[in-house]
Structure formats: C-alpha cells, structure tokens
Amino acid sequence: MKKYIVKLSEQEREELEKVIKKGKGSAKKLMHARILLKADENEAGPSWKDEQIQEALEVSISTIERVRRKFVEDGFDVALSRRPGSGYRDPKIDGEKEAHLIALACSSPPDGQAKWTLRLLAEKMVEFEYIDTVSYETVRKTLKKRTQALAKEAVVHSSEKQCRICVSYGRYFIGVSSSL
C-alpha cells in the first residue's frame, strides 16, 4: 500500500503538462513532472502503480517514492525542483588578508629557504596571525586570481621588483609585483 498518495489539482496538472510540452528545463524536472502525472490519483489522473511508472519511464521505484514523498510533504514546487545547494560561502581571504599574503609572498623567504612555497606562505599567514587557519590551496587560488587579474590589466612591472612563488610541483607564479 502506498504511503504517499499524489492528488494533483487541475492547476498543478496543467502546469506539469506545460512543462513537459515545452521540453525545457532539466531532465530531472521533466522526469519528476512525468512521474507526478502518472501517479496522480484524482479522477483526471491515470493512477498508475509504481511498477507501471517504473516500466514506462525507466526509473527506479525509489525515485518514484521519493518524488511522491516530496510532493506530499514539501509541496508541488519542491517535488519538481532540485535541492537547494549548500549556499555561498564568504571567501576565507578577503582584501586585507590578500594584501598581507601578497606582501609576504613578495618579501624575502625565511632563512634556510630559497623561495616561498604555498605551504610556507600558509604557515606564515597563520603564524603572523593574519588568519586563524588557511590551506595552501586557498593561498594558491588567491595568488592565481591575483596574477590573472594583473595579466588582464596588462600591467608591466620592472623585472627587478618581481617575485616568484614556487608551488609544490615545481611551477612558478611569476609576475606578482612587490609594489602591490
């Protein structure tokens, strides 16, 4: 026996039929619309069993059950749409921290080091208390973003004032100016 019974209103049925006729939207949305139309147990609906829907639409029973449950518990719009993403996170390194990072990268490397590495820059950012924690990958992305922005602006720097930052696999970020 079905736990979640789909009963579409006339307006919901029309909207689902429009979605399918247009053929626009994600494949998932179109499939969910077809499932809801076939599962509709109102007088206007076909009241198909899950096995019939599975065979006709080539989807799993669990997908059909999930769409039914979403429709009953969360409503029409949620059953059709994707789950909202985790959301946007503020960048770990903002403008002020980025300025500290660039100044650090353009300074002389610590004693015993020939050049700055991404890991070393991340450690020094934490050590100097510019930031609580930061990964070398965040440092890499920040420096890459900065050098790409400079390249787009076609900024020319004197060769004696440029610094080089070594990444762990031997490549360099070149062109980060100490004048920044």
C-alpha atoms as a PDB file:
ATOM      1  CA  MET A   1       0.000   0.000   0.000  1.00  0.00           C
ATOM      2  CA  LYS A   2       1.268   3.452  -0.930  1.00  0.00           C
ATOM      3  CA  LYS A   3       2.169   5.706   1.941  1.00  0.00           C
ATOM      4  CA  TYR A   4       2.280   8.940  -0.075  1.00  0.00           C
ATOM      5  CA  ILE A   5      -0.677   9.465  -2.371  1.00  0.00           C
ATOM      6  CA  VAL A   6      -0.395  12.087  -5.111  1.00  0.00           C
ATOM      7  CA  LYS A   7      -3.562  14.052  -5.817  1.00  0.00           C
ATOM      8  CA  LEU A   8      -2.935  16.904  -8.238  1.00  0.00           C
ATOM      9  CA  SER A   9      -5.194  19.905  -8.538  1.00  0.00           C
ATOM     10  CA  GLU A  10      -6.333  20.898 -12.020  1.00  0.00           C
ATOM     11  CA  GLN A  11      -3.905  23.848 -11.968  1.00  0.00           C
ATOM     12  CA  GLU A  12      -0.962  21.630 -10.957  1.00  0.00           C
ATOM     13  CA  ARG A  13      -1.837  19.116 -13.669  1.00  0.00           C
ATOM     14  CA  GLU A  14      -1.941  21.877 -16.318  1.00  0.00           C
ATOM     15  CA  GLU A  15       1.387  23.261 -15.153  1.00  0.00           C
ATOM     16  CA  LEU A  16       3.023  19.821 -15.337  1.00  0.00           C
ATOM     17  CA  GLU A  17       1.661  19.265 -18.822  1.00  0.00           C
ATOM     18  CA  LYS A  18       3.056  22.662 -19.908  1.00  0.00           C
ATOM     19  CA  VAL A  19       6.474  21.752 -18.512  1.00  0.00           C
ATOM     20  CA  ILE A  20       6.506  18.501 -20.467  1.00  0.00           C
ATOM     21  CA  LYS A  21       5.174  20.071 -23.690  1.00  0.00           C
ATOM     22  CA  LYS A  22       7.810  22.802 -23.638  1.00  0.00           C
ATOM     23  CA  GLY A  23      10.542  20.260 -23.047  1.00  0.00           C
ATOM     24  CA  LYS A  24      12.606  22.996 -21.422  1.00  0.00           C
ATOM     25  CA  GLY A  25      14.270  22.517 -18.083  1.00  0.00           C
ATOM     26  CA  SER A  26      16.473  19.865 -16.596  1.00  0.00           C
ATOM     27  CA  ALA A  27      15.945  16.200 -17.367  1.00  0.00           C
ATOM     28  CA  LYS A  28      15.288  15.661 -13.680  1.00  0.00           C
ATOM     29  CA  LYS A  29      12.476  18.235 -13.642  1.00  0.00           C
ATOM     30  CA  LEU A  30      10.864  16.708 -16.735  1.00  0.00           C
ATOM     31  CA  MET A  31      11.102  13.206 -15.250  1.00  0.00           C
ATOM     32  CA  HIS A  32       9.568  14.335 -11.959  1.00  0.00           C
ATOM     33  CA  ALA A  33       6.738  16.002 -13.869  1.00  0.00           C
ATOM     34  CA  ARG A  34       6.042  12.757 -15.762  1.00  0.00           C
ATOM     35  CA  ILE A  35       6.135  10.738 -12.532  1.00  0.00           C
ATOM     36  CA  LEU A  36       3.659  13.070 -10.818  1.00  0.00           C
ATOM     37  CA  LEU A  37       1.287  12.992 -13.788  1.00  0.00           C
ATOM     38  CA  LYS A  38       1.298   9.195 -13.952  1.00  0.00           C
ATOM     39  CA  ALA A  39       0.978   8.830 -10.150  1.00  0.00           C
ATOM     40  CA  ASP A  40      -1.972  11.252  -9.888  1.00  0.00           C
ATOM     41  CA  GLU A  41      -4.869   9.501  -8.171  1.00  0.00           C
ATOM     42  CA  ASN A  42      -7.538  12.133  -8.816  1.00  0.00           C
ATOM     43  CA  GLU A  43     -10.347  11.360 -11.220  1.00  0.00           C
ATOM     44  CA  ALA A  44      -8.477  13.080 -14.070  1.00  0.00           C
ATOM     45  CA  GLY A  45      -5.269  11.162 -13.319  1.00  0.00           C
ATOM     46  CA  PRO A  46      -4.292   7.705 -14.563  1.00  0.00           C
ATOM     47  CA  SER A  47      -3.480   6.370 -11.033  1.00  0.00           C
ATOM     48  CA  TRP A  48      -0.635   4.187 -12.267  1.00  0.00           C
ATOM     49  CA  LYS A  49       1.101   1.806  -9.882  1.00  0.00           C
ATOM     50  CA  ASP A  50       4.785   2.350  -9.186  1.00  0.00           C
ATOM     51  CA  GLU A  51       5.745  -0.714 -11.236  1.00  0.00           C
ATOM     52  CA  GLN A  52       3.893   0.674 -14.274  1.00  0.00           C
ATOM     53  CA  ILE A  53       5.614   4.054 -13.902  1.00  0.00           C
ATOM     54  CA  GLN A  54       8.968   2.307 -13.496  1.00  0.00           C
ATOM     55  CA  GLU A  55       8.485   0.307 -16.673  1.00  0.00           C
ATOM     56  CA  ALA A  56       7.163   3.215 -18.759  1.00  0.00           C
ATOM     57  CA  LEU A  57       9.640   5.881 -17.630  1.00  0.00           C
ATOM     58  CA  GLU A  58      12.618   3.613 -16.868  1.00  0.00           C
ATOM     59  CA  VAL A  59      13.248   5.000 -13.388  1.00  0.00           C
ATOM     60  CA  SER A  60      13.757   3.207 -10.116  1.00  0.00           C
ATOM     61  CA  ILE A  61      10.982   2.577  -7.621  1.00  0.00           C
ATOM     62  CA  SER A  62      12.942   4.555  -5.020  1.00  0.00           C
ATOM     63  CA  THR A  63      12.937   7.613  -7.310  1.00  0.00           C
ATOM     64  CA  ILE A  64       9.182   7.332  -7.737  1.00  0.00           C
ATOM     65  CA  GLU A  65       8.679   7.001  -3.980  1.00  0.00           C
ATOM     66  CA  ARG A  66      10.986   9.966  -3.330  1.00  0.00           C
ATOM     67  CA  VAL A  67       9.049  12.180  -5.770  1.00  0.00           C
ATOM     68  CA  ARG A  68       5.756  11.144  -4.180  1.00  0.00           C
ATOM     69  CA  ARG A  69       7.099  11.872  -0.686  1.00  0.00           C
ATOM     70  CA  LYS A  70       8.474  15.284  -1.717  1.00  0.00           C
ATOM     71  CA  PHE A  71       5.132  16.195  -3.256  1.00  0.00           C
ATOM     72  CA  VAL A  72       3.101  15.175  -0.186  1.00  0.00           C
ATOM     73  CA  GLU A  73       5.463  16.510   2.484  1.00  0.00           C
ATOM     74  CA  ASP A  74       7.038  19.565   0.854  1.00  0.00           C
ATOM     75  CA  GLY A  75       4.676  20.571  -1.916  1.00  0.00           C
ATOM     76  CA  PHE A  76       4.447  20.852  -5.664  1.00  0.00           C
ATOM     77  CA  ASP A  77       7.412  23.192  -6.292  1.00  0.00           C
ATOM     78  CA  VAL A  78       9.862  21.202  -4.168  1.00  0.00           C
ATOM     79  CA  ALA A  79       8.911  17.940  -5.901  1.00  0.00           C
ATOM     80  CA  LEU A  80       9.826  19.469  -9.265  1.00  0.00           C
ATOM     81  CA  SER A  81      12.911  21.470  -8.390  1.00  0.00           C
ATOM     82  CA  ARG A  82      16.380  20.470  -7.369  1.00  0.00           C
ATOM     83  CA  ARG A  83      17.525  20.569  -3.809  1.00  0.00           C
ATOM     84  CA  PRO A  84      18.993  23.960  -2.962  1.00  0.00           C
ATOM     85  CA  GLY A  85      22.773  23.978  -2.875  1.00  0.00           C
ATOM     86  CA  SER A  86      24.830  24.344   0.230  1.00  0.00           C
ATOM     87  CA  GLY A  87      24.969  28.057  -0.422  1.00  0.00           C
ATOM     88  CA  TYR A  88      27.637  30.576  -0.984  1.00  0.00           C
ATOM     89  CA  ARG A  89      30.480  30.851   1.494  1.00  0.00           C
ATOM     90  CA  ASP A  90      32.358  34.048   2.076  1.00  0.00           C
ATOM     91  CA  PRO A  91      35.943  33.836   0.881  1.00  0.00           C
ATOM     92  CA  LYS A  92      38.431  32.874   3.565  1.00  0.00           C
ATOM     93  CA  ILE A  93      40.893  35.505   2.381  1.00  0.00           C
ATOM     94  CA  ASP A  94      39.363  38.959   1.984  1.00  0.00           C
ATOM     95  CA  GLY A  95      41.030  42.099   0.629  1.00  0.00           C
ATOM     96  CA  GLU A  96      43.065  42.898   3.737  1.00  0.00           C
ATOM     97  CA  LYS A  97      44.306  39.323   4.171  1.00  0.00           C
ATOM     98  CA  GLU A  98      45.073  39.157   0.450  1.00  0.00           C
ATOM     99  CA  ALA A  99      47.227  42.272   0.776  1.00  0.00           C
ATOM    100  CA  HIS A 100      49.137  40.660   3.665  1.00  0.00           C
ATOM    101  CA  LEU A 101      49.581  37.485   1.607  1.00  0.00           C
ATOM    102  CA  ILE A 102      50.939  39.355  -1.405  1.00  0.00           C
ATOM    103  CA  ALA A 103      53.271  41.447   0.754  1.00  0.00           C
ATOM    104  CA  LEU A 104      54.510  38.266   2.424  1.00  0.00           C
ATOM    105  CA  ALA A 105      54.983  36.489  -0.915  1.00  0.00           C
ATOM    106  CA  CYS A 106      56.992  39.397  -2.280  1.00  0.00           C
ATOM    107  CA  SER A 107      59.249  39.614   0.749  1.00  0.00           C
ATOM    108  CA  SER A 108      62.432  37.627   1.182  1.00  0.00           C
ATOM    109  CA  PRO A 109      61.836  33.990   2.103  1.00  0.00           C
ATOM    110  CA  PRO A 110      62.770  32.914   5.629  1.00  0.00           C
ATOM    111  CA  ASP A 111      66.316  31.810   6.457  1.00  0.00           C
ATOM    112  CA  GLY A 112      67.085  28.388   5.106  1.00  0.00           C
ATOM    113  CA  GLN A 113      64.537  28.709   2.277  1.00  0.00           C
ATOM    114  CA  ALA A 114      65.485  29.605  -1.286  1.00  0.00           C
ATOM    115  CA  LYS A 115      61.943  30.635  -2.202  1.00  0.00           C
ATOM    116  CA  TRP A 116      58.397  30.792  -0.875  1.00  0.00           C
ATOM    117  CA  THR A 117      56.240  27.693  -1.223  1.00  0.00           C
ATOM    118  CA  LEU A 118      52.483  27.724  -0.917  1.00  0.00           C
ATOM    119  CA  ARG A 119      52.625  25.662   2.272  1.00  0.00           C
ATOM    120  CA  LEU A 120      55.206  28.005   3.776  1.00  0.00           C
ATOM    121  CA  LEU A 121      53.086  31.035   2.907  1.00  0.00           C
ATOM    122  CA  ALA A 122      50.032  29.396   4.531  1.00  0.00           C
ATOM    123  CA  GLU A 123      52.041  28.614   7.688  1.00  0.00           C
ATOM    124  CA  LYS A 124      53.398  32.173   7.934  1.00  0.00           C
ATOM    125  CA  MET A 125      49.920  33.691   7.435  1.00  0.00           C
ATOM    126  CA  VAL A 126      48.763  31.738  10.500  1.00  0.00           C
ATOM    127  CA  GLU A 127      51.976  32.369  12.430  1.00  0.00           C
ATOM    128  CA  PHE A 128      51.713  36.148  11.935  1.00  0.00           C
ATOM    129  CA  GLU A 129      48.029  35.901  12.951  1.00  0.00           C
ATOM    130  CA  TYR A 130      46.679  37.373   9.724  1.00  0.00           C
ATOM    131  CA  ILE A 131      44.218  34.473   9.659  1.00  0.00           C
ATOM    132  CA  ASP A 132      43.229  31.646  12.041  1.00  0.00           C
ATOM    133  CA  THR A 133      43.657  28.780   9.582  1.00  0.00           C
ATOM    134  CA  VAL A 134      44.297  28.596   5.858  1.00  0.00           C
ATOM    135  CA  SER A 135      45.219  25.810   3.474  1.00  0.00           C
ATOM    136  CA  TYR A 136      47.915  26.076   0.871  1.00  0.00           C
ATOM    137  CA  GLU A 137      45.200  25.522  -1.758  1.00  0.00           C
ATOM    138  CA  THR A 138      43.403  28.685  -0.642  1.00  0.00           C
ATOM    139  CA  VAL A 139      46.726  30.531  -0.877  1.00  0.00           C
ATOM    140  CA  ARG A 140      47.243  29.139  -4.386  1.00  0.00           C
ATOM    141  CA  LYS A 141      43.779  30.186  -5.556  1.00  0.00           C
ATOM    142  CA  THR A 142      44.190  33.667  -4.123  1.00  0.00           C
ATOM    143  CA  LEU A 143      47.563  34.214  -5.782  1.00  0.00           C
ATOM    144  CA  LYS A 144      46.341  32.742  -9.060  1.00  0.00           C
ATOM    145  CA  LYS A 145      43.293  35.019  -9.021  1.00  0.00           C
ATOM    146  CA  ARG A 146      45.557  37.982  -8.369  1.00  0.00           C
ATOM    147  CA  THR A 147      48.049  37.159 -11.129  1.00  0.00           C
ATOM    148  CA  GLN A 148      45.227  36.554 -13.618  1.00  0.00           C
ATOM    149  CA  ALA A 149      43.718  39.920 -12.751  1.00  0.00           C
ATOM    150  CA  LEU A 150      47.079  41.566 -13.327  1.00  0.00           C
ATOM    151  CA  ALA A 151      47.527  39.770 -16.646  1.00  0.00           C
ATOM    152  CA  LYS A 152      44.122  41.002 -17.832  1.00  0.00           C
ATOM    153  CA  GLU A 153      45.064  44.563 -16.993  1.00  0.00           C
ATOM    154  CA  ALA A 154      48.335  44.139 -18.932  1.00  0.00           C
ATOM    155  CA  VAL A 155      50.335  45.639 -16.101  1.00  0.00           C
ATOM    156  CA  VAL A 156      54.056  45.811 -16.778  1.00  0.00           C
ATOM    157  CA  HIS A 157      56.454  45.554 -13.851  1.00  0.00           C
ATOM    158  CA  SER A 158      60.147  46.101 -13.717  1.00  0.00           C
ATOM    159  CA  SER A 159      61.955  42.773 -13.701  1.00  0.00           C
ATOM    160  CA  GLU A 160      63.975  43.561 -10.575  1.00  0.00           C
ATOM    161  CA  LYS A 161      60.842  44.087  -8.431  1.00  0.00           C
ATOM    162  CA  GLN A 162      59.074  40.854  -9.344  1.00  0.00           C
ATOM    163  CA  CYS A 163      58.928  37.865  -7.061  1.00  0.00           C
ATOM    164  CA  ARG A 164      58.463  34.197  -7.849  1.00  0.00           C
ATOM    165  CA  ILE A 165      56.379  31.800  -5.797  1.00  0.00           C
ATOM    166  CA  CYS A 166      57.119  28.092  -6.149  1.00  0.00           C
ATOM    167  CA  VAL A 167      54.269  25.617  -5.997  1.00  0.00           C
ATOM    168  CA  SER A 168      54.922  22.106  -4.699  1.00  0.00           C
ATOM    169  CA  TYR A 169      55.240  20.502  -8.151  1.00  0.00           C
ATOM    170  CA  GLY A 170      57.941  22.889  -9.392  1.00  0.00           C
ATOM    171  CA  ARG A 171      55.951  25.505 -11.321  1.00  0.00           C
ATOM    172  CA  TYR A 172      56.076  29.203 -10.507  1.00  0.00           C
ATOM    173  CA  PHE A 173      53.665  32.090 -10.236  1.00  0.00           C
ATOM    174  CA  ILE A 174      55.607  34.875 -11.902  1.00  0.00           C
ATOM    175  CA  GLY A 175      54.657  38.495 -12.115  1.00  0.00           C
ATOM    176  CA  VAL A 176      53.390  39.228  -8.635  1.00  0.00           C
ATOM    177  CA  SER A 177      54.826  42.647  -8.049  1.00  0.00           C
ATOM    178  CA  SER A 178      56.133  43.814  -4.703  1.00  0.00           C
ATOM    179  CA  SER A 179      54.578  47.198  -5.492  1.00  0.00           C
ATOM    180  CA  LEU A 180      51.142  45.719  -4.828  1.00  0.00           C
END
